[in-house]
Amino acid sequence: MNGVQAIKTALEGTKKGLAWYVSDFSDADLLVRPVPNANHAAWQIGNVIGGDIFFIKEAFPDTKFPELPDGFMDLHGSKGAKNDGPEGFLTKDQYLKLFTEVRDATIATLEKLTDADLDTPSPEKIRSWAPTLGHMFLMASDHTLMHTGQFTVIRRKLGKPVLF
């Protein structure tokens, strides 16, 4: 396995993990906050979607990401973190479809690279925490993993079974 293949495996794994952790959530479950001031799963999934685009688009402006609904980035960024919904938030099926399309575009962009390309410096605005393109793609996977880890607390609050 080379570097590109390893990063692709991480991106695919976190894509599957996110879908798995919310597989038995209803649309209403997505809006449950585990504790006051913690983000609900709808906001977090939207933030992950926006994260992939944020991480990848500047370095690869030709990446074919799907068009996001109006106001999506604001709603799923710091401006929308306190919004309990449901106004503006999507259904679970809509989030999962959009996440799959965005993640697939991220992976398609990665697959155009060589292992040597992974050592190329990342865009300046993210270089302090993702110095190379390889780090940048791994950040997309890590960002997803961090948020899906938070879903386990929501699952416990909702009385859902422990998955892992």
N, C-alpha and C. Protein backbone atom coordinates (compact mmCIF):
# COMPACT_ATOMS: atom_id res chain seq x y z
N MET A 1 0.85 -1.18 0.00
CA MET A 1 0.00 0.00 0.00
C MET A 1 0.89 1.24 0.00
N ASN A 2 0.57 2.18 -0.86
CA ASN A 2 1.34 3.42 -0.88
C ASN A 2 0.60 4.52 -0.10
N GLY A 3 1.16 5.71 -0.07
CA GLY A 3 0.59 6.80 0.70
C GLY A 3 -0.80 7.21 0.24
N VAL A 4 -0.98 7.34 -1.07
CA VAL A 4 -2.28 7.72 -1.60
C VAL A 4 -3.32 6.67 -1.22
N GLN A 5 -2.97 5.40 -1.36
CA GLN A 5 -3.90 4.33 -1.00
C GLN A 5 -4.23 4.34 0.49
N ALA A 6 -3.24 4.62 1.33
CA ALA A 6 -3.48 4.66 2.78
C ALA A 6 -4.42 5.81 3.15
N ILE A 7 -4.21 6.97 2.56
CA ILE A 7 -5.09 8.11 2.85
C ILE A 7 -6.50 7.84 2.31
N LYS A 8 -6.59 7.23 1.13
CA LYS A 8 -7.90 6.87 0.59
C LYS A 8 -8.62 5.92 1.53
N THR A 9 -7.91 4.95 2.08
CA THR A 9 -8.51 4.02 3.03
C THR A 9 -9.05 4.75 4.26
N ALA A 10 -8.30 5.73 4.75
CA ALA A 10 -8.75 6.53 5.90
C ALA A 10 -10.01 7.32 5.54
N LEU A 11 -10.02 7.96 4.38
CA LEU A 11 -11.18 8.74 3.96
C LEU A 11 -12.41 7.87 3.75
N GLU A 12 -12.23 6.70 3.17
CA GLU A 12 -13.35 5.78 2.97
C GLU A 12 -13.84 5.22 4.30
N GLY A 13 -12.91 4.92 5.19
CA GLY A 13 -13.29 4.37 6.49
C GLY A 13 -14.10 5.35 7.32
N THR A 14 -13.68 6.61 7.33
CA THR A 14 -14.44 7.59 8.12
C THR A 14 -15.77 7.92 7.44
N LYS A 15 -15.84 7.78 6.12
CA LYS A 15 -17.12 7.96 5.42
C LYS A 15 -18.10 6.88 5.87
N LYS A 16 -17.65 5.65 5.90
CA LYS A 16 -18.51 4.54 6.35
C LYS A 16 -18.87 4.69 7.82
N GLY A 17 -17.89 5.09 8.63
CA GLY A 17 -18.13 5.24 10.07
C GLY A 17 -19.20 6.27 10.37
N LEU A 18 -19.14 7.42 9.70
CA LEU A 18 -20.14 8.45 9.94
C LEU A 18 -21.54 7.91 9.63
N ALA A 19 -21.69 7.27 8.49
CA ALA A 19 -23.00 6.71 8.11
C ALA A 19 -23.46 5.66 9.11
N TRP A 20 -22.55 4.85 9.60
CA TRP A 20 -22.88 3.79 10.55
C TRP A 20 -23.38 4.38 11.87
N TYR A 21 -22.69 5.39 12.38
CA TYR A 21 -23.06 5.96 13.68
C TYR A 21 -24.42 6.64 13.66
N VAL A 22 -24.89 7.10 12.50
CA VAL A 22 -26.21 7.73 12.45
C VAL A 22 -27.24 6.85 11.72
N SER A 23 -26.89 5.61 11.43
CA SER A 23 -27.76 4.74 10.63
C SER A 23 -29.13 4.55 11.26
N ASP A 24 -29.23 4.53 12.58
CA ASP A 24 -30.52 4.34 13.23
C ASP A 24 -31.07 5.64 13.84
N PHE A 25 -30.52 6.77 13.44
CA PHE A 25 -31.03 8.08 13.88
C PHE A 25 -32.23 8.47 13.02
N SER A 26 -33.20 9.09 13.65
CA SER A 26 -34.28 9.74 12.90
C SER A 26 -33.81 11.16 12.58
N ASP A 27 -34.58 11.84 11.77
CA ASP A 27 -34.24 13.24 11.49
C ASP A 27 -34.26 14.06 12.78
N ALA A 28 -35.21 13.77 13.66
CA ALA A 28 -35.27 14.49 14.95
C ALA A 28 -34.07 14.16 15.82
N ASP A 29 -33.58 12.93 15.78
CA ASP A 29 -32.41 12.54 16.57
C ASP A 29 -31.19 13.37 16.19
N LEU A 30 -31.09 13.75 14.92
CA LEU A 30 -29.95 14.55 14.47
C LEU A 30 -29.87 15.89 15.18
N LEU A 31 -30.98 16.36 15.75
CA LEU A 31 -31.03 17.68 16.38
C LEU A 31 -30.90 17.63 17.90
N VAL A 32 -30.60 16.45 18.44
CA VAL A 32 -30.44 16.29 19.89
C VAL A 32 -29.02 16.70 20.30
N ARG A 33 -28.95 17.61 21.27
CA ARG A 33 -27.65 18.01 21.84
C ARG A 33 -27.38 17.09 23.04
N PRO A 34 -26.20 16.49 23.11
CA PRO A 34 -25.93 15.58 24.22
C PRO A 34 -25.89 16.31 25.57
N VAL A 35 -25.41 17.52 25.58
CA VAL A 35 -25.40 18.40 26.75
C VAL A 35 -25.57 19.83 26.23
N PRO A 36 -25.99 20.75 27.08
CA PRO A 36 -26.12 22.13 26.61
C PRO A 36 -24.80 22.63 26.00
N ASN A 37 -24.92 23.38 24.94
CA ASN A 37 -23.80 24.00 24.22
C ASN A 37 -22.95 23.03 23.41
N ALA A 38 -23.25 21.74 23.43
CA ALA A 38 -22.57 20.80 22.54
C ALA A 38 -23.34 20.78 21.21
N ASN A 39 -22.65 20.51 20.15
CA ASN A 39 -23.29 20.53 18.83
C ASN A 39 -24.08 19.24 18.58
N HIS A 40 -25.22 19.39 17.92
CA HIS A 40 -26.00 18.22 17.55
C HIS A 40 -25.42 17.61 16.27
N ALA A 41 -25.85 16.41 15.96
CA ALA A 41 -25.28 15.67 14.83
C ALA A 41 -25.55 16.34 13.49
N ALA A 42 -26.69 17.00 13.33
CA ALA A 42 -26.97 17.67 12.05
C ALA A 42 -25.92 18.74 11.79
N TRP A 43 -25.64 19.56 12.81
CA TRP A 43 -24.63 20.60 12.64
C TRP A 43 -23.27 19.95 12.34
N GLN A 44 -22.95 18.89 13.07
CA GLN A 44 -21.64 18.25 12.90
C GLN A 44 -21.46 17.63 11.52
N ILE A 45 -22.48 16.96 11.02
CA ILE A 45 -22.36 16.38 9.68
C ILE A 45 -22.18 17.49 8.65
N GLY A 46 -22.94 18.55 8.77
CA GLY A 46 -22.78 19.68 7.87
C GLY A 46 -21.41 20.30 7.97
N ASN A 47 -20.86 20.35 9.19
CA ASN A 47 -19.52 20.90 9.39
C ASN A 47 -18.47 20.02 8.73
N VAL A 48 -18.65 18.71 8.79
CA VAL A 48 -17.74 17.78 8.12
C VAL A 48 -17.81 17.97 6.60
N ILE A 49 -19.01 18.12 6.09
CA ILE A 49 -19.17 18.36 4.65
C ILE A 49 -18.43 19.64 4.25
N GLY A 50 -18.68 20.70 4.99
CA GLY A 50 -17.99 21.96 4.73
C GLY A 50 -16.49 21.85 4.92
N GLY A 51 -16.08 21.02 5.88
CA GLY A 51 -14.65 20.82 6.13
C GLY A 51 -13.92 20.23 4.95
N ASP A 52 -14.49 19.20 4.34
CA ASP A 52 -13.85 18.62 3.16
C ASP A 52 -13.65 19.69 2.08
N ILE A 53 -14.68 20.47 1.85
CA ILE A 53 -14.60 21.50 0.82
C ILE A 53 -13.55 22.54 1.21
N PHE A 54 -13.56 22.98 2.46
CA PHE A 54 -12.59 23.96 2.94
C PHE A 54 -11.17 23.44 2.79
N PHE A 55 -10.92 22.21 3.19
CA PHE A 55 -9.57 21.66 3.14
C PHE A 55 -9.07 21.49 1.71
N ILE A 56 -9.92 21.08 0.79
CA ILE A 56 -9.49 20.66 -0.54
C ILE A 56 -9.60 21.75 -1.60
N LYS A 57 -10.64 22.56 -1.55
CA LYS A 57 -10.97 23.46 -2.66
C LYS A 57 -9.88 24.48 -2.97
N GLU A 58 -9.22 25.02 -1.97
CA GLU A 58 -8.21 26.04 -2.27
C GLU A 58 -7.01 25.45 -3.02
N ALA A 59 -6.59 24.27 -2.63
CA ALA A 59 -5.46 23.63 -3.30
C ALA A 59 -5.87 23.05 -4.65
N PHE A 60 -7.12 22.65 -4.77
CA PHE A 60 -7.61 22.00 -5.98
C PHE A 60 -8.95 22.62 -6.38
N PRO A 61 -8.91 23.84 -6.92
CA PRO A 61 -10.16 24.55 -7.23
C PRO A 61 -11.02 23.87 -8.28
N ASP A 62 -10.47 22.96 -9.05
CA ASP A 62 -11.24 22.27 -10.08
C ASP A 62 -11.99 21.04 -9.55
N THR A 63 -11.85 20.75 -8.26
CA THR A 63 -12.56 19.61 -7.69
C THR A 63 -14.06 19.82 -7.88
N LYS A 64 -14.73 18.80 -8.33
CA LYS A 64 -16.17 18.88 -8.65
C LYS A 64 -17.01 18.53 -7.42
N PHE A 65 -17.08 19.47 -6.48
CA PHE A 65 -17.95 19.30 -5.33
C PHE A 65 -19.38 19.65 -5.72
N PRO A 66 -20.37 18.99 -5.09
CA PRO A 66 -21.76 19.35 -5.38
C PRO A 66 -22.06 20.75 -4.83
N GLU A 67 -23.05 21.37 -5.41
CA GLU A 67 -23.47 22.69 -4.93
C GLU A 67 -24.18 22.52 -3.59
N LEU A 68 -23.83 23.35 -2.63
CA LEU A 68 -24.45 23.30 -1.31
C LEU A 68 -25.67 24.21 -1.28
N PRO A 69 -26.66 23.88 -0.45
CA PRO A 69 -27.82 24.77 -0.31
C PRO A 69 -27.38 26.16 0.17
N ASP A 70 -28.16 27.16 -0.19
CA ASP A 70 -27.86 28.53 0.25
C ASP A 70 -27.73 28.58 1.77
N GLY A 71 -26.70 29.25 2.25
CA GLY A 71 -26.48 29.44 3.68
C GLY A 71 -25.90 28.24 4.40
N PHE A 72 -25.59 27.19 3.67
CA PHE A 72 -25.12 25.94 4.30
C PHE A 72 -23.87 26.14 5.14
N MET A 73 -22.88 26.81 4.58
CA MET A 73 -21.60 26.97 5.30
C MET A 73 -21.79 27.80 6.57
N ASP A 74 -22.60 28.85 6.52
CA ASP A 74 -22.85 29.64 7.72
C ASP A 74 -23.60 28.84 8.77
N LEU A 75 -24.63 28.09 8.35
CA LEU A 75 -25.42 27.31 9.28
C LEU A 75 -24.59 26.24 9.98
N HIS A 76 -23.61 25.68 9.26
CA HIS A 76 -22.81 24.59 9.81
C HIS A 76 -21.42 25.04 10.26
N GLY A 77 -21.26 26.33 10.40
CA GLY A 77 -20.04 26.91 10.94
C GLY A 77 -20.34 27.54 12.29
N SER A 78 -19.45 28.37 12.77
CA SER A 78 -19.62 28.96 14.10
C SER A 78 -20.90 29.80 14.19
N LYS A 79 -21.31 30.42 13.10
CA LYS A 79 -22.53 31.25 13.12
C LYS A 79 -23.78 30.43 13.43
N GLY A 80 -23.82 29.18 13.01
CA GLY A 80 -25.01 28.35 13.19
C GLY A 80 -24.93 27.36 14.32
N ALA A 81 -23.84 27.34 15.06
CA ALA A 81 -23.64 26.32 16.09
C ALA A 81 -24.69 26.35 17.19
N LYS A 82 -25.28 27.49 17.45
CA LYS A 82 -26.29 27.60 18.52
C LYS A 82 -27.71 27.34 18.01
N ASN A 83 -27.87 27.15 16.69
CA ASN A 83 -29.18 26.95 16.10
C ASN A 83 -29.66 25.52 16.38
N ASP A 84 -30.80 25.41 17.03
CA ASP A 84 -31.34 24.10 17.37
C ASP A 84 -32.15 23.47 16.25
N GLY A 85 -32.51 24.26 15.23
CA GLY A 85 -33.25 23.73 14.11
C GLY A 85 -34.72 23.56 14.46
N PRO A 86 -35.47 22.94 13.60
CA PRO A 86 -35.03 22.24 12.40
C PRO A 86 -34.85 23.14 11.17
N GLU A 87 -35.25 24.41 11.27
CA GLU A 87 -35.17 25.29 10.11
C GLU A 87 -33.76 25.35 9.54
N GLY A 88 -33.66 25.07 8.26
CA GLY A 88 -32.38 25.15 7.57
C GLY A 88 -31.59 23.85 7.58
N PHE A 89 -31.83 23.01 8.55
CA PHE A 89 -31.10 21.75 8.60
C PHE A 89 -31.74 20.74 7.66
N LEU A 90 -30.95 19.81 7.19
CA LEU A 90 -31.40 18.81 6.22
C LEU A 90 -31.90 17.56 6.93
N THR A 91 -32.48 16.66 6.16
CA THR A 91 -32.84 15.35 6.69
C THR A 91 -31.58 14.48 6.73
N LYS A 92 -31.68 13.39 7.46
CA LYS A 92 -30.53 12.46 7.51
C LYS A 92 -30.16 11.99 6.11
N ASP A 93 -31.17 11.60 5.33
CA ASP A 93 -30.88 11.11 3.99
C ASP A 93 -30.21 12.19 3.13
N GLN A 94 -30.64 13.43 3.26
CA GLN A 94 -30.03 14.51 2.50
C GLN A 94 -28.58 14.74 2.94
N TYR A 95 -28.34 14.72 4.25
CA TYR A 95 -26.96 14.87 4.73
C TYR A 95 -26.07 13.75 4.23
N LEU A 96 -26.55 12.52 4.34
CA LEU A 96 -25.71 11.39 3.93
C LEU A 96 -25.43 11.40 2.43
N LYS A 97 -26.41 11.78 1.64
CA LYS A 97 -26.19 11.88 0.20
C LYS A 97 -25.16 12.95 -0.11
N LEU A 98 -25.32 14.11 0.50
CA LEU A 98 -24.39 15.22 0.26
C LEU A 98 -22.99 14.87 0.76
N PHE A 99 -22.91 14.26 1.94
CA PHE A 99 -21.60 13.87 2.48
C PHE A 99 -20.92 12.87 1.55
N THR A 100 -21.66 11.89 1.06
CA THR A 100 -21.09 10.90 0.15
C THR A 100 -20.56 11.56 -1.11
N GLU A 101 -21.34 12.48 -1.68
CA GLU A 101 -20.91 13.17 -2.90
C GLU A 101 -19.65 14.01 -2.65
N VAL A 102 -19.62 14.72 -1.52
CA VAL A 102 -18.46 15.54 -1.20
C VAL A 102 -17.24 14.67 -0.93
N ARG A 103 -17.40 13.63 -0.13
CA ARG A 103 -16.26 12.77 0.18
C ARG A 103 -15.77 12.06 -1.07
N ASP A 104 -16.67 11.61 -1.93
CA ASP A 104 -16.25 10.97 -3.18
C ASP A 104 -15.45 11.94 -4.05
N ALA A 105 -15.83 13.21 -4.06
CA ALA A 105 -15.07 14.21 -4.82
C ALA A 105 -13.69 14.41 -4.20
N THR A 106 -13.62 14.40 -2.87
CA THR A 106 -12.33 14.51 -2.18
C THR A 106 -11.44 13.34 -2.56
N ILE A 107 -11.98 12.14 -2.52
CA ILE A 107 -11.21 10.94 -2.85
C ILE A 107 -10.79 10.97 -4.33
N ALA A 108 -11.67 11.38 -5.21
CA ALA A 108 -11.32 11.46 -6.64
C ALA A 108 -10.15 12.42 -6.87
N THR A 109 -10.13 13.52 -6.12
CA THR A 109 -9.02 14.47 -6.24
C THR A 109 -7.73 13.84 -5.72
N LEU A 110 -7.81 13.17 -4.58
CA LEU A 110 -6.65 12.48 -4.02
C LEU A 110 -6.08 11.47 -5.01
N GLU A 111 -6.94 10.72 -5.66
CA GLU A 111 -6.49 9.65 -6.55
C GLU A 111 -5.74 10.16 -7.78
N LYS A 112 -5.80 11.44 -8.05
CA LYS A 112 -5.06 12.02 -9.17
C LYS A 112 -3.61 12.31 -8.78
N LEU A 113 -3.28 12.15 -7.51
CA LEU A 113 -1.94 12.50 -7.02
C LEU A 113 -1.03 11.30 -6.98
N THR A 114 0.26 11.58 -6.97
CA THR A 114 1.26 10.55 -6.73
C THR A 114 1.70 10.66 -5.27
N ASP A 115 2.42 9.69 -4.80
CA ASP A 115 2.94 9.77 -3.44
C ASP A 115 3.86 10.98 -3.29
N ALA A 116 4.62 11.30 -4.32
CA ALA A 116 5.51 12.47 -4.26
C ALA A 116 4.70 13.76 -4.11
N ASP A 117 3.53 13.82 -4.74
CA ASP A 117 2.67 15.00 -4.63
C ASP A 117 2.23 15.25 -3.19
N LEU A 118 2.11 14.20 -2.40
CA LEU A 118 1.64 14.34 -1.02
C LEU A 118 2.58 15.21 -0.18
N ASP A 119 3.84 15.33 -0.59
CA ASP A 119 4.82 16.16 0.13
C ASP A 119 4.79 17.62 -0.29
N THR A 120 3.96 17.98 -1.26
CA THR A 120 3.82 19.37 -1.70
C THR A 120 3.24 20.21 -0.57
N PRO A 121 3.76 21.40 -0.35
CA PRO A 121 3.18 22.26 0.70
C PRO A 121 1.69 22.53 0.44
N SER A 122 0.94 22.56 1.51
CA SER A 122 -0.49 22.86 1.43
C SER A 122 -0.69 24.36 1.29
N PRO A 123 -1.93 24.80 1.03
CA PRO A 123 -2.19 26.24 0.97
C PRO A 123 -1.76 26.94 2.27
N GLU A 124 -1.32 28.14 2.14
CA GLU A 124 -0.78 28.91 3.27
C GLU A 124 -1.72 28.97 4.46
N LYS A 125 -3.03 29.15 4.22
CA LYS A 125 -3.96 29.36 5.33
C LYS A 125 -4.12 28.14 6.23
N ILE A 126 -3.73 26.96 5.77
CA ILE A 126 -3.83 25.77 6.63
C ILE A 126 -2.47 25.15 6.93
N ARG A 127 -1.42 25.74 6.43
CA ARG A 127 -0.09 25.13 6.51
C ARG A 127 0.40 24.94 7.94
N SER A 128 -0.03 25.78 8.87
CA SER A 128 0.47 25.65 10.25
C SER A 128 -0.01 24.35 10.91
N TRP A 129 -1.14 23.80 10.48
CA TRP A 129 -1.62 22.56 11.08
C TRP A 129 -1.76 21.42 10.06
N ALA A 130 -1.57 21.71 8.79
CA ALA A 130 -1.55 20.69 7.75
C ALA A 130 -0.49 21.12 6.73
N PRO A 131 0.79 20.87 7.03
CA PRO A 131 1.87 21.44 6.21
C PRO A 131 1.98 20.94 4.77
N THR A 132 1.49 19.76 4.49
CA THR A 132 1.60 19.21 3.14
C THR A 132 0.22 18.78 2.64
N LEU A 133 0.15 18.48 1.34
CA LEU A 133 -1.10 17.98 0.78
C LEU A 133 -1.51 16.66 1.44
N GLY A 134 -0.55 15.83 1.75
CA GLY A 134 -0.86 14.59 2.46
C GLY A 134 -1.51 14.87 3.80
N HIS A 135 -0.95 15.80 4.56
CA HIS A 135 -1.55 16.19 5.84
C HIS A 135 -2.96 16.76 5.63
N MET A 136 -3.13 17.53 4.57
CA MET A 136 -4.42 18.16 4.29
C MET A 136 -5.51 17.11 4.06
N PHE A 137 -5.21 16.09 3.26
CA PHE A 137 -6.20 15.04 3.02
C PHE A 137 -6.46 14.23 4.29
N LEU A 138 -5.41 13.98 5.06
CA LEU A 138 -5.61 13.28 6.32
C LEU A 138 -6.42 14.11 7.31
N MET A 139 -6.30 15.44 7.24
CA MET A 139 -7.09 16.30 8.10
C MET A 139 -8.58 16.14 7.80
N ALA A 140 -8.93 15.96 6.54
CA ALA A 140 -10.34 15.73 6.19
C ALA A 140 -10.84 14.46 6.87
N SER A 141 -10.04 13.42 6.85
CA SER A 141 -10.41 12.17 7.52
C SER A 141 -10.46 12.35 9.03
N ASP A 142 -9.45 13.00 9.59
CA ASP A 142 -9.41 13.20 11.05
C ASP A 142 -10.57 14.07 11.53
N HIS A 143 -10.93 15.06 10.76
CA HIS A 143 -12.05 15.94 11.11
C HIS A 143 -13.34 15.11 11.20
N THR A 144 -13.53 14.21 10.26
CA THR A 144 -14.70 13.34 10.28
C THR A 144 -14.66 12.42 11.50
N LEU A 145 -13.51 11.85 11.78
CA LEU A 145 -13.36 10.95 12.91
C LEU A 145 -13.66 11.67 14.23
N MET A 146 -13.18 12.89 14.36
CA MET A 146 -13.42 13.66 15.58
C MET A 146 -14.92 13.88 15.80
N HIS A 147 -15.63 14.26 14.74
CA HIS A 147 -17.06 14.51 14.89
C HIS A 147 -17.84 13.22 15.11
N THR A 148 -17.52 12.15 14.40
CA THR A 148 -18.26 10.91 14.60
C THR A 148 -18.04 10.36 16.00
N GLY A 149 -16.88 10.61 16.57
CA GLY A 149 -16.66 10.21 17.96
C GLY A 149 -17.65 10.88 18.90
N GLN A 150 -18.04 12.10 18.58
CA GLN A 150 -19.02 12.82 19.40
C GLN A 150 -20.42 12.22 19.27
N PHE A 151 -20.68 11.53 18.16
CA PHE A 151 -21.99 10.91 17.99
C PHE A 151 -22.25 9.81 19.02
N THR A 152 -21.19 9.21 19.53
CA THR A 152 -21.39 8.14 20.51
C THR A 152 -22.07 8.66 21.77
N VAL A 153 -21.80 9.89 22.15
CA VAL A 153 -22.44 10.48 23.33
C VAL A 153 -23.92 10.73 23.04
N ILE A 154 -24.21 11.21 21.84
CA ILE A 154 -25.61 11.41 21.45
C ILE A 154 -26.33 10.06 21.45
N ARG A 155 -25.67 9.04 20.92
CA ARG A 155 -26.26 7.70 20.89
C ARG A 155 -26.61 7.24 22.30
N ARG A 156 -25.70 7.46 23.25
CA ARG A 156 -25.97 7.07 24.65
C ARG A 156 -27.16 7.83 25.20
N LYS A 157 -27.23 9.12 24.94
CA LYS A 157 -28.34 9.94 25.45
C LYS A 157 -29.67 9.43 24.87
N LEU A 158 -29.66 9.01 23.62
CA LEU A 158 -30.88 8.53 22.95
C LEU A 158 -31.20 7.08 23.29
N GLY A 159 -30.34 6.40 24.02
CA GLY A 159 -30.57 4.99 24.36
C GLY A 159 -30.31 4.04 23.22
N LYS A 160 -29.52 4.47 22.25
CA LYS A 160 -29.18 3.61 21.10
C LYS A 160 -28.13 2.59 21.53
N PRO A 161 -28.04 1.47 20.84
CA PRO A 161 -27.03 0.48 21.18
C PRO A 161 -25.61 0.98 20.93
N VAL A 162 -24.69 0.48 21.73
CA VAL A 162 -23.27 0.77 21.53
C VAL A 162 -22.83 0.02 20.27
N LEU A 163 -22.16 0.72 19.37
CA LEU A 163 -21.76 0.10 18.11
C LEU A 163 -20.33 -0.41 18.11
N PHE A 164 -19.47 0.23 18.87
CA PHE A 164 -18.05 -0.15 18.82
C PHE A 164 -17.40 0.20 20.11
